Amino acid sequence: MAKEPLFSKLFRESPFSLLKKHMEVVNQTVVTLSDFFAAALVGDWQAAETHRNHIGDLEHEADDYKRQLRMSLPRGIFL
């Protein structure tokens, strides 16, 4: 089994692109949460349920980015 060179372990892909995507999804979740509350306040429960389902989908997407981010971080000396 070939080992990965030590030098390549020091320089990996930057985690900031994944962090930025995670932040964008979290921001969209907050906006959708505001829409959910607005629909609930006027009693539009069908729209509120639609927003709730969308919030759940966005949370799963954010969790996927967070998992990818954690997997991409080095586990060595720089942490």
Protein backbone atom coordinates (compact mmCIF):
# COMPACT_ATOMS: atom_id res chain seq x y z
CA MET A 1 0.00 0.00 0.00
CA ALA A 2 1.42 3.37 -1.05
CA LYS A 3 1.66 6.01 1.62
CA GLU A 4 0.82 9.64 1.03
CA PRO A 5 3.93 11.86 1.17
CA LEU A 6 4.32 13.87 4.37
CA PHE A 7 4.69 17.11 2.41
CA SER A 8 1.27 16.71 0.76
CA LYS A 9 -0.32 16.29 4.18
CA LEU A 10 0.80 19.80 5.12
CA PHE A 11 -0.97 21.52 2.22
CA ARG A 12 -4.51 20.49 1.50
CA GLU A 13 -7.48 22.14 -0.13
CA SER A 14 -8.60 25.20 1.78
CA PRO A 15 -11.60 24.53 4.05
CA PHE A 16 -12.92 28.05 3.54
CA SER A 17 -14.95 27.22 0.42
CA LEU A 18 -16.88 24.58 2.37
CA LEU A 19 -17.23 26.94 5.30
CA LYS A 20 -18.62 29.63 3.00
CA LYS A 21 -21.16 27.20 1.49
CA HIS A 22 -22.21 26.13 5.00
CA MET A 23 -22.69 29.76 6.03
CA GLU A 24 -24.78 30.49 2.92
CA VAL A 25 -27.07 27.54 3.65
CA VAL A 26 -27.42 28.57 7.30
CA ASN A 27 -28.30 32.11 6.19
CA GLN A 28 -30.97 30.75 3.83
CA THR A 29 -32.33 28.66 6.69
CA VAL A 30 -32.71 31.76 8.87
CA VAL A 31 -34.54 33.60 6.07
CA THR A 32 -36.87 30.63 5.62
CA LEU A 33 -37.44 30.49 9.39
CA SER A 34 -38.59 34.10 9.23
CA ASP A 35 -41.00 33.14 6.44
CA PHE A 36 -42.25 30.23 8.57
CA PHE A 37 -43.03 32.54 11.49
CA ALA A 38 -44.75 35.05 9.21
CA ALA A 39 -46.99 32.31 7.79
CA ALA A 40 -47.73 30.94 11.28
CA LEU A 41 -48.67 34.38 12.60
CA VAL A 42 -51.34 34.85 9.93
CA GLY A 43 -52.53 31.26 10.35
CA ASP A 44 -51.48 30.00 6.91
CA TRP A 45 -50.59 26.51 8.11
CA GLN A 46 -50.13 25.04 4.66
CA ALA A 47 -47.43 27.63 3.86
CA ALA A 48 -45.95 27.16 7.33
CA GLU A 49 -45.64 23.41 6.73
CA THR A 50 -43.99 24.05 3.35
CA HIS A 51 -41.47 26.38 5.00
CA ARG A 52 -40.87 23.85 7.81
CA ASN A 53 -40.10 21.13 5.28
CA HIS A 54 -37.75 23.46 3.41
CA ILE A 55 -35.98 24.33 6.68
CA GLY A 56 -35.44 20.62 7.34
CA ASP A 57 -33.95 20.14 3.86
CA LEU A 58 -31.62 23.11 4.37
CA GLU A 59 -30.52 21.79 7.77
CA HIS A 60 -29.58 18.46 6.20
CA GLU A 61 -27.64 20.27 3.48
CA ALA A 62 -25.79 22.35 6.10
CA ASP A 63 -24.99 19.18 8.03
CA ASP A 64 -23.52 17.63 4.88
CA TYR A 65 -21.24 20.64 4.37
CA LYS A 66 -20.23 20.55 8.03
CA ARG A 67 -19.39 16.85 7.75
CA GLN A 68 -17.33 17.46 4.59
CA LEU A 69 -15.55 20.33 6.33
CA ARG A 70 -14.64 18.20 9.32
CA MET A 71 -13.41 15.41 7.07
CA SER A 72 -11.18 17.81 5.10
CA LEU A 73 -9.42 19.29 8.11
CA PRO A 74 -5.99 17.84 8.90
CA ARG A 75 -5.65 15.92 12.11
CA GLY A 76 -2.04 16.78 12.73
CA ILE A 77 0.20 19.36 14.24
CA PHE A 78 -1.70 22.44 13.06
CA LEU A 79 -4.87 21.74 15.01
